[in-house]
Amino acid sequence: MAHPQPGTAPNRPRRGAGCLQTLVVLAVILGLGYGASKIFGDDASTSKASPSSSSASDGKGGSWEIGDCGGPDPENKPDDYRAFDCDESGATFKALEVKSASIMPNAIQCPAGTDLIIQVSRVFGSGDDKKSGGIPTNTVCGRNLTGDHPGDAGAGGGQLVEGDCVSATAKEIACASAGGADFKVLGLVDQKTECPAATTEPMQLMMALGRPYNVICGGKV
């Protein structure tokens, strides 16, 4: 995965919930989806876009904290990101939670309300040396600073959570557009027997390493 040369953040002291300023690499991994295809179905459904490489600045050697903010890197558009002070115009998201990095995207489970998931990697060297990759350090669960929140339950984006809606092929959809053939997520469990009583369509998913659930408990919308 290629990593372009990141921009340089101004050298200013870090505030408690402010910006970060040492070189790291961010990769948006929300787009990997869940392999959420019913075993008894034909379509492997994915409701997210493909992941992309990105770059950022950070002041703690690749370590993020809850409350830190970031946004698109103006020098490496459209896929790269960098850290910003939360009151800077370039800031577009805030870290709701910071988790350890994982080589299994399905193992990253962010809290409800997460609009994007960003993997942070520490990079070394300079120039073209940064294109060789980095060492994953953190995973940032980000929430948009604007009123646009696709990760909210029922909104049709983000990770699948209780209160979301899915089609008959287990593809996440916005509840506002759900019809009679669609379902609301009543639970995300390991076995069908664990689904709540109101479940009308327990969806057995194809196996995915690291995912903490194997069944979507679907009920009437």
C-alpha atoms as a PDB file:
ATOM      1  CA  MET A   1       0.000   0.000   0.000  1.00  0.00           C
ATOM      2  CA  ALA A   2       1.520   3.255  -1.130  1.00  0.00           C
ATOM      3  CA  HIS A   3       1.856   6.098   1.350  1.00  0.00           C
ATOM      4  CA  PRO A   4       2.304   9.626  -0.062  1.00  0.00           C
ATOM      5  CA  GLN A   5       4.525  12.216   1.598  1.00  0.00           C
ATOM      6  CA  PRO A   6       2.447  13.767   4.424  1.00  0.00           C
ATOM      7  CA  GLY A   7       2.224  17.432   5.205  1.00  0.00           C
ATOM      8  CA  THR A   8       3.829  19.036   8.251  1.00  0.00           C
ATOM      9  CA  ALA A   9       1.691  20.364  11.086  1.00  0.00           C
ATOM     10  CA  PRO A  10       2.625  23.630  12.827  1.00  0.00           C
ATOM     11  CA  ASN A  11       4.833  23.153  15.877  1.00  0.00           C
ATOM     12  CA  ARG A  12       2.572  24.177  18.724  1.00  0.00           C
ATOM     13  CA  PRO A  13       1.924  22.696  22.191  1.00  0.00           C
ATOM     14  CA  ARG A  14      -0.636  19.937  22.468  1.00  0.00           C
ATOM     15  CA  ARG A  15      -3.867  20.616  24.305  1.00  0.00           C
ATOM     16  CA  GLY A  16      -5.834  18.074  26.310  1.00  0.00           C
ATOM     17  CA  ALA A  17      -8.251  17.265  23.473  1.00  0.00           C
ATOM     18  CA  GLY A  18      -6.336  18.966  20.725  1.00  0.00           C
ATOM     19  CA  CYS A  19      -4.290  17.925  17.764  1.00  0.00           C
ATOM     20  CA  LEU A  20      -1.427  15.502  17.246  1.00  0.00           C
ATOM     21  CA  GLN A  21       1.772  16.253  15.372  1.00  0.00           C
ATOM     22  CA  THR A  22       4.257  13.428  14.506  1.00  0.00           C
ATOM     23  CA  LEU A  23       4.127  11.489  11.221  1.00  0.00           C
ATOM     24  CA  VAL A  24       1.708   8.565  11.097  1.00  0.00           C
ATOM     25  CA  VAL A  25      -0.288   6.854   8.400  1.00  0.00           C
ATOM     26  CA  LEU A  26      -4.069   6.506   8.547  1.00  0.00           C
ATOM     27  CA  ALA A  27      -6.029   3.970   6.550  1.00  0.00           C
ATOM     28  CA  VAL A  28      -9.804   4.106   6.528  1.00  0.00           C
ATOM     29  CA  ILE A  29     -10.840   0.516   7.152  1.00  0.00           C
ATOM     30  CA  LEU A  30     -14.550   0.951   7.624  1.00  0.00           C
ATOM     31  CA  GLY A  31     -14.952   0.130   3.969  1.00  0.00           C
ATOM     32  CA  LEU A  32     -14.015  -3.506   4.416  1.00  0.00           C
ATOM     33  CA  GLY A  33     -17.534  -4.519   5.435  1.00  0.00           C
ATOM     34  CA  TYR A  34     -18.321  -7.713   7.288  1.00  0.00           C
ATOM     35  CA  GLY A  35     -18.746 -10.506   4.747  1.00  0.00           C
ATOM     36  CA  ALA A  36     -22.366 -10.220   5.837  1.00  0.00           C
ATOM     37  CA  SER A  37     -23.815 -12.799   3.468  1.00  0.00           C
ATOM     38  CA  LYS A  38     -26.425 -15.279   4.645  1.00  0.00           C
ATOM     39  CA  ILE A  39     -25.221 -18.841   4.241  1.00  0.00           C
ATOM     40  CA  PHE A  40     -28.518 -19.697   2.617  1.00  0.00           C
ATOM     41  CA  GLY A  41     -28.264 -16.706   0.238  1.00  0.00           C
ATOM     42  CA  ASP A  42     -26.363 -16.082  -2.981  1.00  0.00           C
ATOM     43  CA  ASP A  43     -25.252 -12.459  -2.623  1.00  0.00           C
ATOM     44  CA  ALA A  44     -22.227 -11.470  -0.551  1.00  0.00           C
ATOM     45  CA  SER A  45     -23.461  -8.076   0.574  1.00  0.00           C
ATOM     46  CA  THR A  46     -21.193  -5.152   1.386  1.00  0.00           C
ATOM     47  CA  SER A  47     -22.503  -1.741   2.366  1.00  0.00           C
ATOM     48  CA  LYS A  48     -19.206   0.140   2.555  1.00  0.00           C
ATOM     49  CA  ALA A  49     -16.617   1.535   0.127  1.00  0.00           C
ATOM     50  CA  SER A  50     -13.112   0.170  -0.357  1.00  0.00           C
ATOM     51  CA  PRO A  51     -10.345   1.216   2.077  1.00  0.00           C
ATOM     52  CA  SER A  52      -7.828   3.865   1.089  1.00  0.00           C
ATOM     53  CA  SER A  53      -4.372   4.930   2.229  1.00  0.00           C
ATOM     54  CA  SER A  54      -3.842   8.213   3.994  1.00  0.00           C
ATOM     55  CA  SER A  55      -1.330  10.298   5.931  1.00  0.00           C
ATOM     56  CA  ALA A  56      -1.467  12.400   9.091  1.00  0.00           C
ATOM     57  CA  SER A  57       0.424  14.333  11.730  1.00  0.00           C
ATOM     58  CA  ASP A  58       0.441  13.329  15.375  1.00  0.00           C
ATOM     59  CA  GLY A  59       2.316  14.517  18.433  1.00  0.00           C
ATOM     60  CA  LYS A  60       2.618  11.273  20.393  1.00  0.00           C
ATOM     61  CA  GLY A  61       4.466   8.924  18.054  1.00  0.00           C
ATOM     62  CA  GLY A  62       1.311   7.429  16.572  1.00  0.00           C
ATOM     63  CA  SER A  63      -0.748   7.330  19.784  1.00  0.00           C
ATOM     64  CA  TRP A  64      -4.218   8.887  19.766  1.00  0.00           C
ATOM     65  CA  GLU A  65      -6.538   9.781  22.647  1.00  0.00           C
ATOM     66  CA  ILE A  66     -10.290  10.142  22.943  1.00  0.00           C
ATOM     67  CA  GLY A  67     -11.200  13.690  21.918  1.00  0.00           C
ATOM     68  CA  ASP A  68      -8.390  14.128  19.378  1.00  0.00           C
ATOM     69  CA  CYS A  69      -9.543  15.470  16.012  1.00  0.00           C
ATOM     70  CA  GLY A  70      -8.522  14.971  12.404  1.00  0.00           C
ATOM     71  CA  GLY A  71      -9.594  15.585   8.845  1.00  0.00           C
ATOM     72  CA  PRO A  72      -8.569  15.242   5.184  1.00  0.00           C
ATOM     73  CA  ASP A  73      -4.963  16.213   4.485  1.00  0.00           C
ATOM     74  CA  PRO A  74      -5.159  19.243   2.136  1.00  0.00           C
ATOM     75  CA  GLU A  75      -1.812  18.287   0.572  1.00  0.00           C
ATOM     76  CA  ASN A  76      -2.779  14.684  -0.175  1.00  0.00           C
ATOM     77  CA  LYS A  77      -6.417  14.684  -1.255  1.00  0.00           C
ATOM     78  CA  PRO A  78      -8.778  12.894  -1.491  1.00  0.00           C
ATOM     79  CA  ASP A  79      -7.923   9.828   0.578  1.00  0.00           C
ATOM     80  CA  ASP A  80      -5.344  11.005   3.101  1.00  0.00           C
ATOM     81  CA  TYR A  81      -5.958  12.359   6.582  1.00  0.00           C
ATOM     82  CA  ARG A  82      -4.010  14.273   9.196  1.00  0.00           C
ATOM     83  CA  ALA A  83      -4.621  15.466  12.756  1.00  0.00           C
ATOM     84  CA  PHE A  84      -5.994  18.941  13.481  1.00  0.00           C
ATOM     85  CA  ASP A  85      -6.856  20.938  16.568  1.00  0.00           C
ATOM     86  CA  CYS A  86     -10.573  20.445  17.093  1.00  0.00           C
ATOM     87  CA  ASP A  87     -11.238  24.171  16.545  1.00  0.00           C
ATOM     88  CA  GLU A  88      -9.346  24.287  13.227  1.00  0.00           C
ATOM     89  CA  SER A  89     -11.343  24.550  10.014  1.00  0.00           C
ATOM     90  CA  GLY A  90      -9.766  21.350   8.640  1.00  0.00           C
ATOM     91  CA  ALA A  91     -11.059  19.144  11.464  1.00  0.00           C
ATOM     92  CA  THR A  92     -13.930  16.908  10.339  1.00  0.00           C
ATOM     93  CA  PHE A  93     -14.037  14.132  12.947  1.00  0.00           C
ATOM     94  CA  LYS A  94     -13.350  13.505  16.629  1.00  0.00           C
ATOM     95  CA  ALA A  95     -12.112  10.269  18.208  1.00  0.00           C
ATOM     96  CA  LEU A  96     -14.933   8.606  20.159  1.00  0.00           C
ATOM     97  CA  GLU A  97     -12.718   5.709  21.156  1.00  0.00           C
ATOM     98  CA  VAL A  98      -9.147   4.589  20.497  1.00  0.00           C
ATOM     99  CA  LYS A  99      -8.367   0.882  20.227  1.00  0.00           C
ATOM    100  CA  SER A 100      -5.268  -1.163  19.540  1.00  0.00           C
ATOM    101  CA  ALA A 101      -4.484  -1.848  15.905  1.00  0.00           C
ATOM    102  CA  SER A 102      -5.550  -5.187  14.435  1.00  0.00           C
ATOM    103  CA  ILE A 103      -4.631  -7.078  11.276  1.00  0.00           C
ATOM    104  CA  MET A 104      -8.215  -8.393  11.230  1.00  0.00           C
ATOM    105  CA  PRO A 105     -10.584  -5.501  10.378  1.00  0.00           C
ATOM    106  CA  ASN A 106     -13.617  -7.524  11.500  1.00  0.00           C
ATOM    107  CA  ALA A 107     -12.147  -7.642  15.009  1.00  0.00           C
ATOM    108  CA  ILE A 108     -12.418  -3.863  15.363  1.00  0.00           C
ATOM    109  CA  GLN A 109     -15.771  -3.091  16.957  1.00  0.00           C
ATOM    110  CA  CYS A 110     -16.384   0.593  17.547  1.00  0.00           C
ATOM    111  CA  PRO A 111     -19.185   2.100  19.657  1.00  0.00           C
ATOM    112  CA  ALA A 112     -22.537   3.090  18.197  1.00  0.00           C
ATOM    113  CA  GLY A 113     -22.344   6.491  16.540  1.00  0.00           C
ATOM    114  CA  THR A 114     -18.972   5.803  14.881  1.00  0.00           C
ATOM    115  CA  ASP A 115     -19.035   7.317  11.386  1.00  0.00           C
ATOM    116  CA  LEU A 116     -15.586   6.157  10.238  1.00  0.00           C
ATOM    117  CA  ILE A 117     -12.841   3.853  11.440  1.00  0.00           C
ATOM    118  CA  ILE A 118      -9.215   4.837  10.866  1.00  0.00           C
ATOM    119  CA  GLN A 119      -6.185   2.615  11.324  1.00  0.00           C
ATOM    120  CA  VAL A 120      -3.101   4.534  12.435  1.00  0.00           C
ATOM    121  CA  SER A 121       0.396   3.314  11.552  1.00  0.00           C
ATOM    122  CA  ARG A 122       3.754   4.772  12.603  1.00  0.00           C
ATOM    123  CA  VAL A 123       6.026   5.369   9.625  1.00  0.00           C
ATOM    124  CA  PHE A 124       9.782   5.830   9.509  1.00  0.00           C
ATOM    125  CA  GLY A 125      12.144   7.435   7.014  1.00  0.00           C
ATOM    126  CA  SER A 126      11.303  10.242   4.622  1.00  0.00           C
ATOM    127  CA  GLY A 127      10.218  10.846   1.063  1.00  0.00           C
ATOM    128  CA  ASP A 128       9.653   7.671  -0.956  1.00  0.00           C
ATOM    129  CA  ASP A 129      10.718   5.580   2.067  1.00  0.00           C
ATOM    130  CA  LYS A 130       7.271   6.241   3.567  1.00  0.00           C
ATOM    131  CA  LYS A 131       5.612   4.434   0.672  1.00  0.00           C
ATOM    132  CA  SER A 132       6.891   1.105   2.003  1.00  0.00           C
ATOM    133  CA  GLY A 133       4.335   1.086   4.844  1.00  0.00           C
ATOM    134  CA  GLY A 134       4.403   1.444   8.597  1.00  0.00           C
ATOM    135  CA  ILE A 135       3.749  -0.270  11.910  1.00  0.00           C
ATOM    136  CA  PRO A 136       0.044  -0.275  12.943  1.00  0.00           C
ATOM    137  CA  THR A 137      -0.389   1.375  16.345  1.00  0.00           C
ATOM    138  CA  ASN A 138      -4.004   2.365  16.923  1.00  0.00           C
ATOM    139  CA  THR A 139      -7.500   2.205  15.501  1.00  0.00           C
ATOM    140  CA  VAL A 140      -9.509   5.400  15.855  1.00  0.00           C
ATOM    141  CA  CYS A 141     -13.312   5.269  16.025  1.00  0.00           C
ATOM    142  CA  GLY A 142     -14.288   8.674  14.637  1.00  0.00           C
ATOM    143  CA  ARG A 143     -17.513  10.653  14.694  1.00  0.00           C
ATOM    144  CA  ASN A 144     -18.143  13.482  12.248  1.00  0.00           C
ATOM    145  CA  LEU A 145     -18.091  16.991  13.672  1.00  0.00           C
ATOM    146  CA  THR A 146     -20.947  17.967  11.342  1.00  0.00           C
ATOM    147  CA  GLY A 147     -24.571  16.874  11.644  1.00  0.00           C
ATOM    148  CA  ASP A 148     -24.027  14.076   9.106  1.00  0.00           C
ATOM    149  CA  HIS A 149     -23.856  10.820  11.085  1.00  0.00           C
ATOM    150  CA  PRO A 150     -24.182   7.693   8.901  1.00  0.00           C
ATOM    151  CA  GLY A 151     -22.975   5.638  11.869  1.00  0.00           C
ATOM    152  CA  ASP A 152     -26.056   6.353  13.990  1.00  0.00           C
ATOM    153  CA  ALA A 153     -28.383   3.378  14.454  1.00  0.00           C
ATOM    154  CA  GLY A 154     -30.729   3.168  11.486  1.00  0.00           C
ATOM    155  CA  ALA A 155     -28.867   5.703   9.335  1.00  0.00           C
ATOM    156  CA  GLY A 156     -27.490   3.082   6.939  1.00  0.00           C
ATOM    157  CA  GLY A 157     -23.724   3.473   7.475  1.00  0.00           C
ATOM    158  CA  GLY A 158     -20.968   2.722   9.948  1.00  0.00           C
ATOM    159  CA  GLN A 159     -20.653  -0.659  11.623  1.00  0.00           C
ATOM    160  CA  LEU A 160     -23.738  -2.798  11.998  1.00  0.00           C
ATOM    161  CA  VAL A 161     -25.353  -2.231  15.419  1.00  0.00           C
ATOM    162  CA  GLU A 162     -28.660  -2.999  17.089  1.00  0.00           C
ATOM    163  CA  GLY A 163     -31.308  -0.684  15.680  1.00  0.00           C
ATOM    164  CA  ASP A 164     -29.873  -0.720  12.147  1.00  0.00           C
ATOM    165  CA  CYS A 165     -31.855  -2.159   9.246  1.00  0.00           C
ATOM    166  CA  VAL A 166     -30.805  -4.797   6.724  1.00  0.00           C
ATOM    167  CA  SER A 167     -32.193  -6.208   3.502  1.00  0.00           C
ATOM    168  CA  ALA A 168     -33.105  -9.863   3.020  1.00  0.00           C
ATOM    169  CA  THR A 169     -29.501 -10.445   1.861  1.00  0.00           C
ATOM    170  CA  ALA A 170     -28.077  -8.970   5.101  1.00  0.00           C
ATOM    171  CA  LYS A 171     -26.997  -5.710   3.454  1.00  0.00           C
ATOM    172  CA  GLU A 172     -27.252  -2.666   5.707  1.00  0.00           C
ATOM    173  CA  ILE A 173     -29.770  -0.074   4.547  1.00  0.00           C
ATOM    174  CA  ALA A 174     -31.209   3.118   5.989  1.00  0.00           C
ATOM    175  CA  CYS A 175     -34.286   2.346   8.074  1.00  0.00           C
ATOM    176  CA  ALA A 176     -36.075   5.282   6.458  1.00  0.00           C
ATOM    177  CA  SER A 177     -36.007   3.424   3.131  1.00  0.00           C
ATOM    178  CA  ALA A 178     -36.789  -0.045   4.523  1.00  0.00           C
ATOM    179  CA  GLY A 179     -39.763  -1.922   3.146  1.00  0.00           C
ATOM    180  CA  GLY A 180     -41.821  -4.974   4.007  1.00  0.00           C
ATOM    181  CA  ALA A 181     -39.081  -7.358   2.868  1.00  0.00           C
ATOM    182  CA  ASP A 182     -36.423  -5.744   5.073  1.00  0.00           C
ATOM    183  CA  PHE A 183     -35.566  -6.268   8.735  1.00  0.00           C
ATOM    184  CA  LYS A 184     -34.473  -4.365  11.829  1.00  0.00           C
ATOM    185  CA  VAL A 185     -31.421  -5.636  13.714  1.00  0.00           C
ATOM    186  CA  LEU A 186     -32.633  -6.849  17.114  1.00  0.00           C
ATOM    187  CA  GLY A 187     -29.346  -8.469  18.091  1.00  0.00           C
ATOM    188  CA  LEU A 188     -25.884  -9.541  16.912  1.00  0.00           C
ATOM    189  CA  VAL A 189     -25.119 -12.915  18.463  1.00  0.00           C
ATOM    190  CA  ASP A 190     -23.026 -16.049  18.071  1.00  0.00           C
ATOM    191  CA  GLN A 191     -25.844 -18.618  17.789  1.00  0.00           C
ATOM    192  CA  LYS A 192     -29.402 -18.362  16.463  1.00  0.00           C
ATOM    193  CA  THR A 193     -30.693 -19.642  19.795  1.00  0.00           C
ATOM    194  CA  GLU A 194     -29.408 -16.440  21.414  1.00  0.00           C
ATOM    195  CA  CYS A 195     -31.684 -14.178  19.334  1.00  0.00           C
ATOM    196  CA  PRO A 196     -34.475 -12.331  21.198  1.00  0.00           C
ATOM    197  CA  ALA A 197     -38.029 -13.668  21.048  1.00  0.00           C
ATOM    198  CA  ALA A 198     -39.177 -10.986  18.575  1.00  0.00           C
ATOM    199  CA  THR A 199     -36.720 -12.257  15.920  1.00  0.00           C
ATOM    200  CA  THR A 200     -38.459 -13.363  12.724  1.00  0.00           C
ATOM    201  CA  GLU A 201     -35.377 -13.799  10.519  1.00  0.00           C
ATOM    202  CA  PRO A 202     -32.159 -15.066  12.141  1.00  0.00           C
ATOM    203  CA  MET A 203     -29.467 -14.567   9.463  1.00  0.00           C
ATOM    204  CA  GLN A 204     -26.541 -16.959   9.689  1.00  0.00           C
ATOM    205  CA  LEU A 205     -23.472 -15.198   8.275  1.00  0.00           C
ATOM    206  CA  MET A 206     -20.482 -16.619   6.482  1.00  0.00           C
ATOM    207  CA  MET A 207     -17.502 -17.042   8.781  1.00  0.00           C
ATOM    208  CA  ALA A 208     -15.250 -13.987   9.176  1.00  0.00           C
ATOM    209  CA  LEU A 209     -12.129 -14.089  11.344  1.00  0.00           C
ATOM    210  CA  GLY A 210     -12.317 -11.723  14.280  1.00  0.00           C
ATOM    211  CA  ARG A 211     -15.984 -10.776  13.957  1.00  0.00           C
ATOM    212  CA  PRO A 212     -17.624 -11.100  17.402  1.00  0.00           C
ATOM    213  CA  TYR A 213     -20.977 -12.295  16.031  1.00  0.00           C
ATOM    214  CA  ASN A 214     -22.151 -14.853  13.468  1.00  0.00           C
ATOM    215  CA  VAL A 215     -25.890 -14.211  13.381  1.00  0.00           C
ATOM    216  CA  ILE A 216     -27.960 -11.105  12.687  1.00  0.00           C
ATOM    217  CA  CYS A 217     -31.264 -11.316  14.552  1.00  0.00           C
ATOM    218  CA  GLY A 218     -33.734  -9.689  12.162  1.00  0.00           C
ATOM    219  CA  GLY A 219     -37.206  -8.563  13.163  1.00  0.00           C
ATOM    220  CA  LYS A 220     -40.055  -6.685  11.563  1.00  0.00           C
ATOM    221  CA  VAL A 221     -39.242  -3.080  10.700  1.00  0.00           C
END
